Amino acid sequence: TINNVIPKHLESISAKLIEMGAEVIENGDSVTIKSNKN
């Protein structure tokens, strides 16, 4: 979980990671990344 962020600013990066198969969960001022490396 990555705290003290503005998720809106990270959308282009989140979108690519999701496209690759990672999980990105946006909260108010944090994002959580889950990955099984596959």
All heavy atoms as atom14 arrays in JSON, in Angstrom:
{
  "sequence": "TINNVIPKHLESISAKLIEMGAEVIENGDSVTIKSNKN",
  "atom14_mask": [
    [1, 1, 1, 1, 1, 1, 1, 0, 0, 0, 0, 0, 0, 0],
    [1, 1, 1, 1, 1, 1, 1, 1, 0, 0, 0, 0, 0, 0],
    [1, 1, 1, 1, 1, 1, 1, 1, 0, 0, 0, 0, 0, 0],
    [1, 1, 1, 1, 1, 1, 1, 1, 0, 0, 0, 0, 0, 0],
    [1, 1, 1, 1, 1, 1, 1, 0, 0, 0, 0, 0, 0, 0],
    [1, 1, 1, 1, 1, 1, 1, 1, 0, 0, 0, 0, 0, 0],
    [1, 1, 1, 1, 1, 1, 1, 0, 0, 0, 0, 0, 0, 0],
    [1, 1, 1, 1, 1, 1, 1, 1, 1, 0, 0, 0, 0, 0],
    [1, 1, 1, 1, 1, 1, 1, 1, 1, 1, 0, 0, 0, 0],
    [1, 1, 1, 1, 1, 1, 1, 1, 0, 0, 0, 0, 0, 0],
    [1, 1, 1, 1, 1, 1, 1, 1, 1, 0, 0, 0, 0, 0],
    [1, 1, 1, 1, 1, 1, 0, 0, 0, 0, 0, 0, 0, 0],
    [1, 1, 1, 1, 1, 1, 1, 1, 0, 0, 0, 0, 0, 0],
    [1, 1, 1, 1, 1, 1, 0, 0, 0, 0, 0, 0, 0, 0],
    [1, 1, 1, 1, 1, 0, 0, 0, 0, 0, 0, 0, 0, 0],
    [1, 1, 1, 1, 1, 1, 1, 1, 1, 0, 0, 0, 0, 0],
    [1, 1, 1, 1, 1, 1, 1, 1, 0, 0, 0, 0, 0, 0],
    [1, 1, 1, 1, 1, 1, 1, 1, 0, 0, 0, 0, 0, 0],
    [1, 1, 1, 1, 1, 1, 1, 1, 1, 0, 0, 0, 0, 0],
    [1, 1, 1, 1, 1, 1, 1, 1, 0, 0, 0, 0, 0, 0],
    [1, 1, 1, 1, 0, 0, 0, 0, 0, 0, 0, 0, 0, 0],
    [1, 1, 1, 1, 1, 0, 0, 0, 0, 0, 0, 0, 0, 0],
    [1, 1, 1, 1, 1, 1, 1, 1, 1, 0, 0, 0, 0, 0],
    [1, 1, 1, 1, 1, 1, 1, 0, 0, 0, 0, 0, 0, 0],
    [1, 1, 1, 1, 1, 1, 1, 1, 0, 0, 0, 0, 0, 0],
    [1, 1, 1, 1, 1, 1, 1, 1, 1, 0, 0, 0, 0, 0],
    [1, 1, 1, 1, 1, 1, 1, 1, 0, 0, 0, 0, 0, 0],
    [1, 1, 1, 1, 0, 0, 0, 0, 0, 0, 0, 0, 0, 0],
    [1, 1, 1, 1, 1, 1, 1, 1, 0, 0, 0, 0, 0, 0],
    [1, 1, 1, 1, 1, 1, 0, 0, 0, 0, 0, 0, 0, 0],
    [1, 1, 1, 1, 1, 1, 1, 0, 0, 0, 0, 0, 0, 0],
    [1, 1, 1, 1, 1, 1, 1, 0, 0, 0, 0, 0, 0, 0],
    [1, 1, 1, 1, 1, 1, 1, 1, 0, 0, 0, 0, 0, 0],
    [1, 1, 1, 1, 1, 1, 1, 1, 1, 0, 0, 0, 0, 0],
    [1, 1, 1, 1, 1, 1, 0, 0, 0, 0, 0, 0, 0, 0],
    [1, 1, 1, 1, 1, 1, 1, 1, 0, 0, 0, 0, 0, 0],
    [1, 1, 1, 1, 1, 1, 1, 1, 1, 0, 0, 0, 0, 0],
    [1, 1, 1, 1, 1, 1, 1, 1, 0, 0, 0, 0, 0, 0]
  ],
  "atom14_positions": [
    [[0.86, -1.19, 0.0], [0.0, 0.0, 0.0], [0.9, 1.23, 0.0], [1.8, 1.36, 0.84], [-0.93, 0.01, 1.22], [-1.8, -1.13, 1.12], [-1.79, 1.27, 1.26], [0.0, 0.0, 0.0], [0.0, 0.0, 0.0], [0.0, 0.0, 0.0], [0.0, 0.0, 0.0], [0.0, 0.0, 0.0], [0.0, 0.0, 0.0], [0.0, 0.0, 0.0]],
    [[0.65, 2.11, -0.95], [1.48, 3.31, -1.13], [0.65, 4.5, -0.67], [-0.37, 4.84, -1.27], [1.89, 3.42, -2.61], [2.7, 2.17, -3.01], [2.7, 4.68, -2.85], [2.9, 1.99, -4.49], [0.0, 0.0, 0.0], [0.0, 0.0, 0.0], [0.0, 0.0, 0.0], [0.0, 0.0, 0.0], [0.0, 0.0, 0.0], [0.0, 0.0, 0.0]],
    [[1.08, 5.12, 0.45], [0.31, 6.19, 1.09], [0.79, 7.58, 0.65], [1.9, 7.73, 0.14], [0.42, 6.09, 2.61], [-0.22, 4.81, 3.13], [-1.29, 4.41, 2.68], [0.44, 4.16, 4.07], [0.0, 0.0, 0.0], [0.0, 0.0, 0.0], [0.0, 0.0, 0.0], [0.0, 0.0, 0.0], [0.0, 0.0, 0.0], [0.0, 0.0, 0.0]],
    [[-0.06, 8.58, 0.93], [0.23, 9.98, 0.58], [0.42, 10.14, -0.92], [1.44, 10.62, -1.39], [1.46, 10.51, 1.34], [1.68, 12.01, 1.08], [0.74, 12.75, 0.81], [2.93, 12.44, 1.09], [0.0, 0.0, 0.0], [0.0, 0.0, 0.0], [0.0, 0.0, 0.0], [0.0, 0.0, 0.0], [0.0, 0.0, 0.0], [0.0, 0.0, 0.0]],
    [[-0.58, 9.69, -1.69], [-0.56, 9.89, -3.14], [-1.89, 10.51, -3.58], [-2.85, 10.54, -2.82], [-0.35, 8.56, -3.92], [0.98, 7.93, -3.58], [-1.49, 7.58, -3.67], [0.0, 0.0, 0.0], [0.0, 0.0, 0.0], [0.0, 0.0, 0.0], [0.0, 0.0, 0.0], [0.0, 0.0, 0.0], [0.0, 0.0, 0.0], [0.0, 0.0, 0.0]],
    [[-1.92, 11.01, -4.81], [-3.17, 11.45, -5.43], [-3.44, 10.44, -6.55], [-2.8, 10.51, -7.62], [-3.03, 12.9, -5.98], [-2.7, 13.86, -4.82], [-4.32, 13.32, -6.69], [-2.37, 15.28, -5.26], [0.0, 0.0, 0.0], [0.0, 0.0, 0.0], [0.0, 0.0, 0.0], [0.0, 0.0, 0.0], [0.0, 0.0, 0.0], [0.0, 0.0, 0.0]],
    [[-4.35, 9.46, -6.32], [-4.54, 8.38, -7.3], [-4.81, 8.87, -8.72], [-4.38, 8.24, -9.69], [-5.73, 7.6, -6.73], [-5.64, 7.82, -5.25], [-5.16, 9.24, -5.1], [0.0, 0.0, 0.0], [0.0, 0.0, 0.0], [0.0, 0.0, 0.0], [0.0, 0.0, 0.0], [0.0, 0.0, 0.0], [0.0, 0.0, 0.0], [0.0, 0.0, 0.0]],
    [[-5.49, 10.0, -8.84], [-5.79, 10.55, -10.18], [-4.51, 10.77, -10.99], [-4.47, 10.54, -12.2], [-6.54, 11.89, -9.99], [-6.84, 12.63, -11.26], [-8.32, 12.51, -11.64], [-8.6, 13.02, -13.03], [-8.98, 12.04, -13.99], [0.0, 0.0, 0.0], [0.0, 0.0, 0.0], [0.0, 0.0, 0.0], [0.0, 0.0, 0.0], [0.0, 0.0, 0.0]],
    [[-3.43, 11.21, -10.33], [-2.17, 11.47, -11.02], [-1.5, 10.19, -11.5], [-0.58, 10.24, -12.32], [-1.19, 12.21, -10.09], [-1.64, 13.59, -9.72], [-1.05, 14.33, -8.73], [-2.64, 14.36, -10.22], [-1.66, 15.5, -8.62], [-2.63, 15.54, -9.52], [0.0, 0.0, 0.0], [0.0, 0.0, 0.0], [0.0, 0.0, 0.0], [0.0, 0.0, 0.0]],
    [[-1.95, 9.05, -10.97], [-1.28, 7.77, -11.26], [-2.05, 6.91, -12.25], [-1.67, 5.78, -12.53], [-1.1, 6.98, -9.95], [-0.36, 7.73, -8.83], [-0.45, 6.98, -7.52], [1.1, 7.97, -9.21], [0.0, 0.0, 0.0], [0.0, 0.0, 0.0], [0.0, 0.0, 0.0], [0.0, 0.0, 0.0], [0.0, 0.0, 0.0], [0.0, 0.0, 0.0]],
    [[-3.14, 7.47, -12.81], [-4.06, 6.64, -13.6], [-3.39, 5.98, -14.8], [-3.66, 4.82, -15.12], [-5.27, 7.46, -14.06], [-6.31, 7.58, -12.94], [-7.47, 8.5, -13.27], [-7.45, 9.15, -14.34], [-8.41, 8.57, -12.46], [0.0, 0.0, 0.0], [0.0, 0.0, 0.0], [0.0, 0.0, 0.0], [0.0, 0.0, 0.0], [0.0, 0.0, 0.0]],
    [[-2.49, 6.71, -15.5], [-1.87, 6.12, -16.7], [-0.98, 4.93, -16.31], [-0.87, 3.96, -17.07], [-1.04, 7.17, -17.44], [0.01, 7.65, -16.62], [0.0, 0.0, 0.0], [0.0, 0.0, 0.0], [0.0, 0.0, 0.0], [0.0, 0.0, 0.0], [0.0, 0.0, 0.0], [0.0, 0.0, 0.0], [0.0, 0.0, 0.0], [0.0, 0.0, 0.0]],
    [[-0.37, 5.0, -15.14], [0.5, 3.9, -14.67], [-0.37, 2.74, -14.18], [-0.14, 1.58, -14.54], [1.43, 4.4, -13.53], [2.24, 5.61, -14.01], [2.35, 3.29, -13.04], [2.85, 6.45, -12.91], [0.0, 0.0, 0.0], [0.0, 0.0, 0.0], [0.0, 0.0, 0.0], [0.0, 0.0, 0.0], [0.0, 0.0, 0.0], [0.0, 0.0, 0.0]],
    [[-1.4, 3.07, -13.38], [-2.33, 2.03, -12.88], [-2.93, 1.25, -14.05], [-3.0, 0.01, -14.02], [-3.48, 2.67, -12.08], [-2.97, 3.4, -11.0], [0.0, 0.0, 0.0], [0.0, 0.0, 0.0], [0.0, 0.0, 0.0], [0.0, 0.0, 0.0], [0.0, 0.0, 0.0], [0.0, 0.0, 0.0], [0.0, 0.0, 0.0], [0.0, 0.0, 0.0]],
    [[-3.36, 1.97, -15.09], [-4.02, 1.32, -16.23], [-3.1, 0.3, -16.89], [-3.53, -0.81, -17.25], [-4.45, 2.38, -17.25], [0.0, 0.0, 0.0], [0.0, 0.0, 0.0], [0.0, 0.0, 0.0], [0.0, 0.0, 0.0], [0.0, 0.0, 0.0], [0.0, 0.0, 0.0], [0.0, 0.0, 0.0], [0.0, 0.0, 0.0], [0.0, 0.0, 0.0]],
    [[-1.82, 0.64, -17.04], [-0.87, -0.29, -17.68], [-0.62, -1.52, -16.79], [-0.54, -2.64, -17.28], [0.47, 0.41, -17.97], [0.46, 1.21, -19.25], [0.25, 0.33, -20.48], [-0.2, 1.13, -21.68], [-0.71, 0.31, -22.78], [0.0, 0.0, 0.0], [0.0, 0.0, 0.0], [0.0, 0.0, 0.0], [0.0, 0.0, 0.0], [0.0, 0.0, 0.0]],
    [[-0.49, -1.3, -15.48], [-0.24, -2.43, -14.58], [-1.45, -3.38, -14.56], [-1.29, -4.6, -14.53], [0.08, -1.93, -13.16], [1.42, -1.17, -13.03], [1.6, -0.65, -11.61], [2.61, -2.04, -13.43], [0.0, 0.0, 0.0], [0.0, 0.0, 0.0], [0.0, 0.0, 0.0], [0.0, 0.0, 0.0], [0.0, 0.0, 0.0], [0.0, 0.0, 0.0]],
    [[-2.65, -2.8, -14.62], [-3.87, -3.63, -14.66], [-3.9, -4.43, -15.97], [-4.2, -5.62, -16.0], [-5.13, -2.75, -14.49], [-5.19, -2.2, -13.06], [-6.4, -3.52, -14.83], [-6.18, -1.06, -12.85], [0.0, 0.0, 0.0], [0.0, 0.0, 0.0], [0.0, 0.0, 0.0], [0.0, 0.0, 0.0], [0.0, 0.0, 0.0], [0.0, 0.0, 0.0]],
    [[-3.55, -3.74, -17.07], [-3.5, -4.4, -18.39], [-2.51, -5.58, -18.38], [-2.72, -6.6, -19.03], [-3.09, -3.37, -19.45], [-3.18, -3.85, -20.88], [-2.65, -2.81, -21.88], [-2.67, -1.6, -21.58], [-2.19, -3.22, -22.96], [0.0, 0.0, 0.0], [0.0, 0.0, 0.0], [0.0, 0.0, 0.0], [0.0, 0.0, 0.0], [0.0, 0.0, 0.0]],
    [[-1.45, -5.45, -17.59], [-0.43, -6.5, -17.52], [-0.86, -7.68, -16.64], [-0.26, -8.74, -16.68], [0.89, -5.92, -16.98], [1.52, -4.91, -17.93], [2.98, -4.15, -17.22], [4.16, -5.51, -17.36], [0.0, 0.0, 0.0], [0.0, 0.0, 0.0], [0.0, 0.0, 0.0], [0.0, 0.0, 0.0], [0.0, 0.0, 0.0], [0.0, 0.0, 0.0]],
    [[-1.88, -7.44, -15.79], [-2.35, -8.53, -14.94], [-2.17, -8.31, -13.46], [-2.47, -9.18, -12.64], [0.0, 0.0, 0.0], [0.0, 0.0, 0.0], [0.0, 0.0, 0.0], [0.0, 0.0, 0.0], [0.0, 0.0, 0.0], [0.0, 0.0, 0.0], [0.0, 0.0, 0.0], [0.0, 0.0, 0.0], [0.0, 0.0, 0.0], [0.0, 0.0, 0.0]],
    [[-1.66, -7.14, -13.07], [-1.55, -6.82, -11.63], [-2.89, -6.27, -11.15], [-3.74, -5.89, -11.95], [-0.44, -5.8, -11.4], [0.0, 0.0, 0.0], [0.0, 0.0, 0.0], [0.0, 0.0, 0.0], [0.0, 0.0, 0.0], [0.0, 0.0, 0.0], [0.0, 0.0, 0.0], [0.0, 0.0, 0.0], [0.0, 0.0, 0.0], [0.0, 0.0, 0.0]],
    [[-3.05, -6.2, -9.83], [-4.27, -5.63, -9.27], [-3.93, -4.29, -8.64], [-2.95, -4.18, -7.88], [-4.83, -6.59, -8.21], [-6.28, -6.37, -7.88], [-6.8, -7.34, -6.8], [-6.27, -8.46, -6.67], [-7.72, -6.95, -6.08], [0.0, 0.0, 0.0], [0.0, 0.0, 0.0], [0.0, 0.0, 0.0], [0.0, 0.0, 0.0], [0.0, 0.0, 0.0]],
    [[-4.7, -3.26, -8.96], [-4.48, -1.92, -8.39], [-5.77, -1.46, -7.75], [-6.81, -1.38, -8.4], [-4.05, -0.91, -9.48], [-3.81, 0.46, -8.85], [-2.8, -1.38, -10.22], [0.0, 0.0, 0.0], [0.0, 0.0, 0.0], [0.0, 0.0, 0.0], [0.0, 0.0, 0.0], [0.0, 0.0, 0.0], [0.0, 0.0, 0.0], [0.0, 0.0, 0.0]],
    [[-5.72, -1.2, -6.43], [-6.91, -0.75, -5.71], [-6.68, 0.69, -5.27], [-5.73, 0.99, -4.54], [-7.17, -1.65, -4.47], [-7.34, -3.1, -4.92], [-8.4, -1.18, -3.7], [-6.86, -4.11, -3.92], [0.0, 0.0, 0.0], [0.0, 0.0, 0.0], [0.0, 0.0, 0.0], [0.0, 0.0, 0.0], [0.0, 0.0, 0.0], [0.0, 0.0, 0.0]],
    [[-7.56, 1.59, -5.74], [-7.43, 3.01, -5.38], [-8.25, 3.32, -4.14], [-9.41, 2.93, -4.04], [-7.93, 3.89, -6.54], [-7.03, 3.88, -7.75], [-7.46, 4.89, -8.81], [-8.43, 5.64, -8.57], [-6.82, 4.92, -9.87], [0.0, 0.0, 0.0], [0.0, 0.0, 0.0], [0.0, 0.0, 0.0], [0.0, 0.0, 0.0], [0.0, 0.0, 0.0]],
    [[-7.63, 4.01, -3.19], [-8.36, 4.51, -2.02], [-8.28, 6.04, -2.06], [-7.8, 6.59, -3.04], [-7.73, 3.95, -0.75], [-7.57, 2.43, -0.85], [-8.54, 1.73, -1.12], [-6.36, 1.91, -0.68], [0.0, 0.0, 0.0], [0.0, 0.0, 0.0], [0.0, 0.0, 0.0], [0.0, 0.0, 0.0], [0.0, 0.0, 0.0], [0.0, 0.0, 0.0]],
    [[-8.71, 6.7, -1.01], [-8.72, 8.17, -1.03], [-7.36, 8.77, -1.32], [-7.18, 9.48, -2.31], [0.0, 0.0, 0.0], [0.0, 0.0, 0.0], [0.0, 0.0, 0.0], [0.0, 0.0, 0.0], [0.0, 0.0, 0.0], [0.0, 0.0, 0.0], [0.0, 0.0, 0.0], [0.0, 0.0, 0.0], [0.0, 0.0, 0.0], [0.0, 0.0, 0.0]],
    [[-6.38, 8.49, -0.46], [-5.04, 9.05, -0.69], [-3.98, 7.95, -0.66], [-2.85, 8.16, -0.23], [-4.72, 10.14, 0.35], [-4.79, 9.61, 1.77], [-5.12, 8.42, 1.94], [-4.51, 10.39, 2.7], [0.0, 0.0, 0.0], [0.0, 0.0, 0.0], [0.0, 0.0, 0.0], [0.0, 0.0, 0.0], [0.0, 0.0, 0.0], [0.0, 0.0, 0.0]],
    [[-4.38, 6.76, -1.12], [-3.4, 5.67, -1.23], [-3.79, 4.74, -2.37], [-4.93, 4.76, -2.83], [-3.33, 4.88, 0.09], [-4.52, 4.15, 0.28], [0.0, 0.0, 0.0], [0.0, 0.0, 0.0], [0.0, 0.0, 0.0], [0.0, 0.0, 0.0], [0.0, 0.0, 0.0], [0.0, 0.0, 0.0], [0.0, 0.0, 0.0], [0.0, 0.0, 0.0]],
    [[-2.82, 3.96, -2.84], [-3.12, 2.88, -3.8], [-2.45, 1.6, -3.29], [-1.37, 1.65, -2.69], [-2.63, 3.16, -5.24], [-3.4, 4.27, -5.9], [-1.14, 3.45, -5.28], [0.0, 0.0, 0.0], [0.0, 0.0, 0.0], [0.0, 0.0, 0.0], [0.0, 0.0, 0.0], [0.0, 0.0, 0.0], [0.0, 0.0, 0.0], [0.0, 0.0, 0.0]],
    [[-3.13, 0.48, -3.5], [-2.57, -0.82, -3.11], [-2.32, -1.63, -4.39], [-3.19, -1.71, -5.25], [-3.54, -1.58, -2.19], [-3.75, -0.79, -1.01], [-2.96, -2.93, -1.78], [0.0, 0.0, 0.0], [0.0, 0.0, 0.0], [0.0, 0.0, 0.0], [0.0, 0.0, 0.0], [0.0, 0.0, 0.0], [0.0, 0.0, 0.0], [0.0, 0.0, 0.0]],
    [[-1.12, -2.19, -4.48], [-0.75, -3.02, -5.63], [-0.61, -4.46, -5.16], [0.07, -4.72, -4.17], [0.61, -2.59, -6.23], [0.72, -1.08, -6.35], [0.88, -3.28, -7.56], [-0.21, -0.45, -7.32], [0.0, 0.0, 0.0], [0.0, 0.0, 0.0], [0.0, 0.0, 0.0], [0.0, 0.0, 0.0], [0.0, 0.0, 0.0], [0.0, 0.0, 0.0]],
    [[-1.28, -5.38, -5.89], [-1.11, -6.81, -5.61], [-0.62, -7.47, -6.9], [-1.15, -7.19, -7.98], [-2.44, -7.45, -5.21], [-3.03, -6.95, -3.92], [-4.34, -7.67, -3.62], [-5.02, -7.09, -2.39], [-6.33, -7.7, -2.14], [0.0, 0.0, 0.0], [0.0, 0.0, 0.0], [0.0, 0.0, 0.0], [0.0, 0.0, 0.0], [0.0, 0.0, 0.0]],
    [[0.39, -8.33, -6.77], [0.94, -8.98, -7.97], [1.43, -10.38, -7.64], [2.03, -10.61, -6.59], [2.11, -8.14, -8.5], [2.87, -8.88, -9.43], [0.0, 0.0, 0.0], [0.0, 0.0, 0.0], [0.0, 0.0, 0.0], [0.0, 0.0, 0.0], [0.0, 0.0, 0.0], [0.0, 0.0, 0.0], [0.0, 0.0, 0.0], [0.0, 0.0, 0.0]],
    [[1.16, -11.31, -8.58], [1.72, -12.67, -8.42], [2.88, -12.87, -9.38], [3.31, -14.0, -9.63], [0.62, -13.72, -8.66], [0.06, -13.62, -10.08], [0.54, -12.82, -10.89], [-0.96, -14.42, -10.38], [0.0, 0.0, 0.0], [0.0, 0.0, 0.0], [0.0, 0.0, 0.0], [0.0, 0.0, 0.0], [0.0, 0.0, 0.0], [0.0, 0.0, 0.0]],
    [[3.37, -11.77, -9.96], [4.52, -11.75, -10.89], [4.21, -12.35, -12.26], [5.05, -12.34, -13.14], [5.74, -12.48, -10.3], [6.29, -11.83, -9.07], [7.76, -12.1, -8.85], [8.14, -13.55, -8.8], [9.51, -13.75, -8.36], [0.0, 0.0, 0.0], [0.0, 0.0, 0.0], [0.0, 0.0, 0.0], [0.0, 0.0, 0.0], [0.0, 0.0, 0.0]],
    [[3.01, -12.91, -12.43], [2.69, -13.57, -13.7], [2.08, -12.53, -14.65], [0.88, -12.52, -14.88], [1.71, -14.72, -13.41], [1.52, -15.59, -14.62], [2.29, -15.51, -15.58], [0.47, -16.4, -14.6], [0.0, 0.0, 0.0], [0.0, 0.0, 0.0], [0.0, 0.0, 0.0], [0.0, 0.0, 0.0], [0.0, 0.0, 0.0], [0.0, 0.0, 0.0]]
  ]
}
